[in-house]
Amino acid sequence: MDSTFRLRVRAAAAAGWWTALVFLLVMMATWLAWLGISTGRPDWILRLWGSPDITWERVQTLVLEFYAILKLLLWLWVLFTAWLTIWARRLKAAERAAAA
């Protein structure tokens, strides 16, 4: 087994975990910012949506759906990164077995 390939898979797994961590931190920061904004319910938020018949209930539903989709994407990313990590470990074990 080519050790360069194993190192690349391992580097991809490490980059995947760092990406998941940064994504989670950004998602948490935006969620906390949204909680701060939504408690005051400022009128400018409704004007930003651009529709005259938008209500706070609809905005909150859309934001909740948006974060649910983000969580699903993060879950898929973590599953893919876990698979990469397991694959890198198996490649390392196969390399050791071939060397022995």
N, C-alpha and C. Protein backbone atom coordinates (compact mmCIF):
# COMPACT_ATOMS: atom_id res chain seq x y z
N MET A 1 0.86 -1.18 0.00
CA MET A 1 0.00 0.00 0.00
C MET A 1 0.90 1.24 0.00
N ASP A 2 0.50 2.22 -0.75
CA ASP A 2 1.28 3.45 -0.87
C ASP A 2 1.07 4.30 0.38
N SER A 3 2.16 4.63 1.07
CA SER A 3 2.04 5.40 2.31
C SER A 3 1.63 6.85 2.02
N THR A 4 1.94 7.34 0.82
CA THR A 4 1.51 8.69 0.47
C THR A 4 -0.01 8.78 0.42
N PHE A 5 -0.64 7.76 -0.14
CA PHE A 5 -2.10 7.73 -0.19
C PHE A 5 -2.69 7.68 1.20
N ARG A 6 -2.10 6.86 2.08
CA ARG A 6 -2.58 6.76 3.45
C ARG A 6 -2.46 8.10 4.16
N LEU A 7 -1.35 8.79 3.94
CA LEU A 7 -1.17 10.09 4.57
C LEU A 7 -2.17 11.12 4.05
N ARG A 8 -2.49 11.01 2.77
CA ARG A 8 -3.48 11.94 2.21
C ARG A 8 -4.88 11.67 2.76
N VAL A 9 -5.21 10.41 2.93
CA VAL A 9 -6.51 10.07 3.51
C VAL A 9 -6.56 10.55 4.96
N ARG A 10 -5.47 10.37 5.68
CA ARG A 10 -5.41 10.82 7.07
C ARG A 10 -5.50 12.34 7.16
N ALA A 11 -4.82 13.04 6.23
CA ALA A 11 -4.89 14.50 6.22
C ALA A 11 -6.30 14.98 5.87
N ALA A 12 -6.96 14.26 4.96
CA ALA A 12 -8.34 14.62 4.61
C ALA A 12 -9.27 14.42 5.80
N ALA A 13 -9.05 13.37 6.57
CA ALA A 13 -9.86 13.14 7.76
C ALA A 13 -9.63 14.24 8.80
N ALA A 14 -8.38 14.61 9.00
CA ALA A 14 -8.08 15.68 9.95
C ALA A 14 -8.70 17.01 9.49
N ALA A 15 -8.60 17.29 8.20
CA ALA A 15 -9.21 18.52 7.68
C ALA A 15 -10.73 18.46 7.83
N GLY A 16 -11.30 17.29 7.66
CA GLY A 16 -12.74 17.13 7.83
C GLY A 16 -13.19 17.42 9.25
N TRP A 17 -12.41 16.94 10.23
CA TRP A 17 -12.78 17.20 11.63
C TRP A 17 -12.65 18.68 11.96
N TRP A 18 -11.60 19.33 11.45
CA TRP A 18 -11.45 20.77 11.69
C TRP A 18 -12.58 21.56 11.02
N THR A 19 -12.96 21.14 9.83
CA THR A 19 -14.06 21.80 9.13
C THR A 19 -15.37 21.63 9.91
N ALA A 20 -15.61 20.45 10.41
CA ALA A 20 -16.82 20.21 11.20
C ALA A 20 -16.82 21.07 12.47
N LEU A 21 -15.67 21.20 13.11
CA LEU A 21 -15.58 22.01 14.31
C LEU A 21 -15.85 23.48 14.02
N VAL A 22 -15.25 24.00 12.97
CA VAL A 22 -15.46 25.40 12.60
C VAL A 22 -16.92 25.63 12.20
N PHE A 23 -17.48 24.71 11.44
CA PHE A 23 -18.89 24.80 11.04
C PHE A 23 -19.79 24.83 12.27
N LEU A 24 -19.51 23.96 13.24
CA LEU A 24 -20.31 23.92 14.46
C LEU A 24 -20.19 25.22 15.24
N LEU A 25 -18.99 25.76 15.36
CA LEU A 25 -18.80 27.01 16.09
C LEU A 25 -19.50 28.18 15.41
N VAL A 26 -19.43 28.24 14.09
CA VAL A 26 -20.12 29.31 13.36
C VAL A 26 -21.62 29.16 13.51
N MET A 27 -22.10 27.93 13.43
CA MET A 27 -23.53 27.69 13.58
C MET A 27 -24.00 28.08 14.99
N MET A 28 -23.22 27.76 15.99
CA MET A 28 -23.59 28.13 17.36
C MET A 28 -23.58 29.64 17.54
N ALA A 29 -22.58 30.32 16.97
CA ALA A 29 -22.50 31.78 17.11
C ALA A 29 -23.68 32.46 16.42
N THR A 30 -24.04 31.98 15.23
CA THR A 30 -25.18 32.59 14.54
C THR A 30 -26.49 32.27 15.25
N TRP A 31 -26.58 31.09 15.84
CA TRP A 31 -27.80 30.75 16.59
C TRP A 31 -27.93 31.65 17.82
N LEU A 32 -26.83 31.87 18.53
CA LEU A 32 -26.89 32.76 19.69
C LEU A 32 -27.21 34.19 19.27
N ALA A 33 -26.66 34.63 18.14
CA ALA A 33 -26.99 35.96 17.64
C ALA A 33 -28.47 36.04 17.28
N TRP A 34 -28.99 34.98 16.66
CA TRP A 34 -30.41 34.97 16.31
C TRP A 34 -31.28 35.01 17.56
N LEU A 35 -30.88 34.27 18.60
CA LEU A 35 -31.66 34.31 19.84
C LEU A 35 -31.68 35.71 20.43
N GLY A 36 -30.55 36.38 20.35
CA GLY A 36 -30.49 37.76 20.85
C GLY A 36 -31.36 38.70 20.04
N ILE A 37 -31.36 38.52 18.73
CA ILE A 37 -32.17 39.39 17.87
C ILE A 37 -33.66 39.08 18.03
N SER A 38 -33.99 37.80 18.08
CA SER A 38 -35.41 37.43 18.08
C SER A 38 -36.12 37.76 19.40
N THR A 39 -35.36 37.93 20.48
CA THR A 39 -36.03 38.29 21.73
C THR A 39 -36.55 39.72 21.68
N GLY A 40 -35.84 40.58 20.96
CA GLY A 40 -36.28 41.97 20.84
C GLY A 40 -37.31 42.19 19.74
N ARG A 41 -37.34 41.28 18.76
CA ARG A 41 -38.25 41.37 17.62
C ARG A 41 -38.24 42.75 16.97
N PRO A 42 -37.08 43.20 16.49
CA PRO A 42 -37.03 44.53 15.86
C PRO A 42 -37.75 44.53 14.51
N ASP A 43 -38.30 45.68 14.15
CA ASP A 43 -39.05 45.80 12.90
C ASP A 43 -38.15 45.69 11.68
N TRP A 44 -36.88 46.07 11.82
CA TRP A 44 -36.00 46.05 10.65
C TRP A 44 -35.75 44.63 10.14
N ILE A 45 -35.89 43.64 11.00
CA ILE A 45 -35.73 42.25 10.55
C ILE A 45 -36.85 41.90 9.58
N LEU A 46 -38.06 42.29 9.92
CA LEU A 46 -39.19 42.01 9.02
C LEU A 46 -39.05 42.76 7.71
N ARG A 47 -38.52 43.99 7.76
CA ARG A 47 -38.31 44.74 6.53
C ARG A 47 -37.22 44.12 5.67
N LEU A 48 -36.23 43.47 6.31
CA LEU A 48 -35.17 42.81 5.54
C LEU A 48 -35.71 41.66 4.70
N TRP A 49 -36.76 41.01 5.15
CA TRP A 49 -37.34 39.90 4.39
C TRP A 49 -38.01 40.40 3.12
N GLY A 50 -38.43 41.65 3.08
CA GLY A 50 -38.92 42.26 1.86
C GLY A 50 -40.37 42.00 1.52
N SER A 51 -41.05 41.21 2.29
CA SER A 51 -42.45 40.92 2.02
C SER A 51 -43.32 41.69 3.00
N PRO A 52 -44.35 42.36 2.53
CA PRO A 52 -45.18 43.13 3.47
C PRO A 52 -46.03 42.27 4.39
N ASP A 53 -46.29 41.01 4.00
CA ASP A 53 -47.16 40.17 4.82
C ASP A 53 -46.39 39.14 5.65
N ILE A 54 -45.08 39.33 5.82
CA ILE A 54 -44.28 38.40 6.63
C ILE A 54 -44.55 38.68 8.11
N THR A 55 -44.65 37.62 8.89
CA THR A 55 -44.87 37.76 10.33
C THR A 55 -43.69 37.15 11.07
N TRP A 56 -43.60 37.47 12.35
CA TRP A 56 -42.51 36.92 13.15
C TRP A 56 -42.62 35.42 13.28
N GLU A 57 -43.82 34.89 13.31
CA GLU A 57 -43.99 33.44 13.40
C GLU A 57 -43.42 32.76 12.16
N ARG A 58 -43.67 33.35 10.98
CA ARG A 58 -43.14 32.78 9.73
C ARG A 58 -41.62 32.88 9.70
N VAL A 59 -41.08 34.01 10.14
CA VAL A 59 -39.62 34.18 10.16
C VAL A 59 -39.00 33.16 11.09
N GLN A 60 -39.56 32.96 12.25
CA GLN A 60 -39.01 32.00 13.19
C GLN A 60 -39.10 30.58 12.65
N THR A 61 -40.18 30.25 11.94
CA THR A 61 -40.31 28.93 11.33
C THR A 61 -39.23 28.73 10.26
N LEU A 62 -39.01 29.74 9.44
CA LEU A 62 -38.00 29.63 8.38
C LEU A 62 -36.58 29.50 8.96
N VAL A 63 -36.31 30.27 10.00
CA VAL A 63 -34.99 30.19 10.63
C VAL A 63 -34.79 28.83 11.28
N LEU A 64 -35.82 28.31 11.92
CA LEU A 64 -35.73 26.99 12.53
C LEU A 64 -35.50 25.91 11.47
N GLU A 65 -36.20 26.00 10.33
CA GLU A 65 -35.98 25.06 9.24
C GLU A 65 -34.56 25.17 8.68
N PHE A 66 -34.06 26.39 8.57
CA PHE A 66 -32.71 26.61 8.08
C PHE A 66 -31.68 25.94 9.00
N TYR A 67 -31.83 26.10 10.30
CA TYR A 67 -30.88 25.48 11.23
C TYR A 67 -31.04 23.97 11.27
N ALA A 68 -32.23 23.47 11.06
CA ALA A 68 -32.43 22.01 10.99
C ALA A 68 -31.69 21.45 9.78
N ILE A 69 -31.75 22.14 8.65
CA ILE A 69 -31.02 21.69 7.46
C ILE A 69 -29.52 21.76 7.71
N LEU A 70 -29.05 22.83 8.36
CA LEU A 70 -27.63 22.93 8.67
C LEU A 70 -27.17 21.79 9.58
N LYS A 71 -27.99 21.42 10.54
CA LYS A 71 -27.64 20.30 11.43
C LYS A 71 -27.58 18.99 10.67
N LEU A 72 -28.49 18.78 9.73
CA LEU A 72 -28.45 17.57 8.92
C LEU A 72 -27.19 17.52 8.06
N LEU A 73 -26.82 18.66 7.49
CA LEU A 73 -25.60 18.72 6.69
C LEU A 73 -24.37 18.46 7.56
N LEU A 74 -24.36 19.00 8.77
CA LEU A 74 -23.25 18.76 9.68
C LEU A 74 -23.18 17.28 10.05
N TRP A 75 -24.32 16.66 10.28
CA TRP A 75 -24.37 15.24 10.61
C TRP A 75 -23.80 14.40 9.47
N LEU A 76 -24.19 14.72 8.24
CA LEU A 76 -23.64 14.00 7.08
C LEU A 76 -22.14 14.20 6.96
N TRP A 77 -21.69 15.42 7.21
CA TRP A 77 -20.26 15.71 7.15
C TRP A 77 -19.49 14.91 8.20
N VAL A 78 -20.02 14.84 9.40
CA VAL A 78 -19.37 14.08 10.48
C VAL A 78 -19.34 12.59 10.14
N LEU A 79 -20.41 12.07 9.57
CA LEU A 79 -20.41 10.65 9.16
C LEU A 79 -19.34 10.39 8.10
N PHE A 80 -19.25 11.27 7.11
CA PHE A 80 -18.24 11.11 6.07
C PHE A 80 -16.84 11.21 6.65
N THR A 81 -16.62 12.14 7.55
CA THR A 81 -15.31 12.30 8.17
C THR A 81 -14.95 11.12 9.05
N ALA A 82 -15.93 10.57 9.75
CA ALA A 82 -15.68 9.37 10.55
C ALA A 82 -15.29 8.20 9.65
N TRP A 83 -15.97 8.08 8.50
CA TRP A 83 -15.61 7.03 7.55
C TRP A 83 -14.18 7.22 7.04
N LEU A 84 -13.80 8.45 6.74
CA LEU A 84 -12.42 8.72 6.32
C LEU A 84 -11.42 8.35 7.41
N THR A 85 -11.75 8.64 8.65
CA THR A 85 -10.86 8.33 9.76
C THR A 85 -10.68 6.82 9.90
N ILE A 86 -11.79 6.09 9.82
CA ILE A 86 -11.71 4.63 9.92
C ILE A 86 -10.94 4.06 8.75
N TRP A 87 -11.15 4.60 7.57
CA TRP A 87 -10.43 4.12 6.39
C TRP A 87 -8.93 4.37 6.52
N ALA A 88 -8.55 5.53 7.05
CA ALA A 88 -7.13 5.83 7.25
C ALA A 88 -6.51 4.86 8.25
N ARG A 89 -7.23 4.52 9.29
CA ARG A 89 -6.70 3.56 10.27
C ARG A 89 -6.55 2.18 9.67
N ARG A 90 -7.52 1.77 8.84
CA ARG A 90 -7.42 0.46 8.20
C ARG A 90 -6.27 0.43 7.19
N LEU A 91 -6.05 1.52 6.50
CA LEU A 91 -4.92 1.59 5.57
C LEU A 91 -3.60 1.47 6.33
N LYS A 92 -3.53 2.09 7.49
CA LYS A 92 -2.32 2.00 8.30
C LYS A 92 -2.10 0.57 8.79
N ALA A 93 -3.18 -0.09 9.22
CA ALA A 93 -3.07 -1.47 9.69
C ALA A 93 -2.67 -2.38 8.52
N ALA A 94 -3.21 -2.15 7.34
CA ALA A 94 -2.86 -2.97 6.19
C ALA A 94 -1.39 -2.75 5.80
N GLU A 95 -0.93 -1.52 5.95
CA GLU A 95 0.47 -1.21 5.63
C GLU A 95 1.40 -1.92 6.61
N ARG A 96 1.01 -1.92 7.88
CA ARG A 96 1.83 -2.62 8.88
C ARG A 96 1.84 -4.12 8.62
N ALA A 97 0.68 -4.68 8.27
CA ALA A 97 0.60 -6.12 8.00
C ALA A 97 1.42 -6.50 6.78
N ALA A 98 1.45 -5.61 5.78
CA ALA A 98 2.23 -5.90 4.56
C ALA A 98 3.72 -5.80 4.84
N ALA A 99 4.11 -4.95 5.77
CA ALA A 99 5.52 -4.77 6.09
C ALA A 99 6.03 -5.94 6.95
N ALA A 100 5.14 -6.57 7.69
CA ALA A 100 5.56 -7.66 8.60
C ALA A 100 5.70 -8.98 7.92
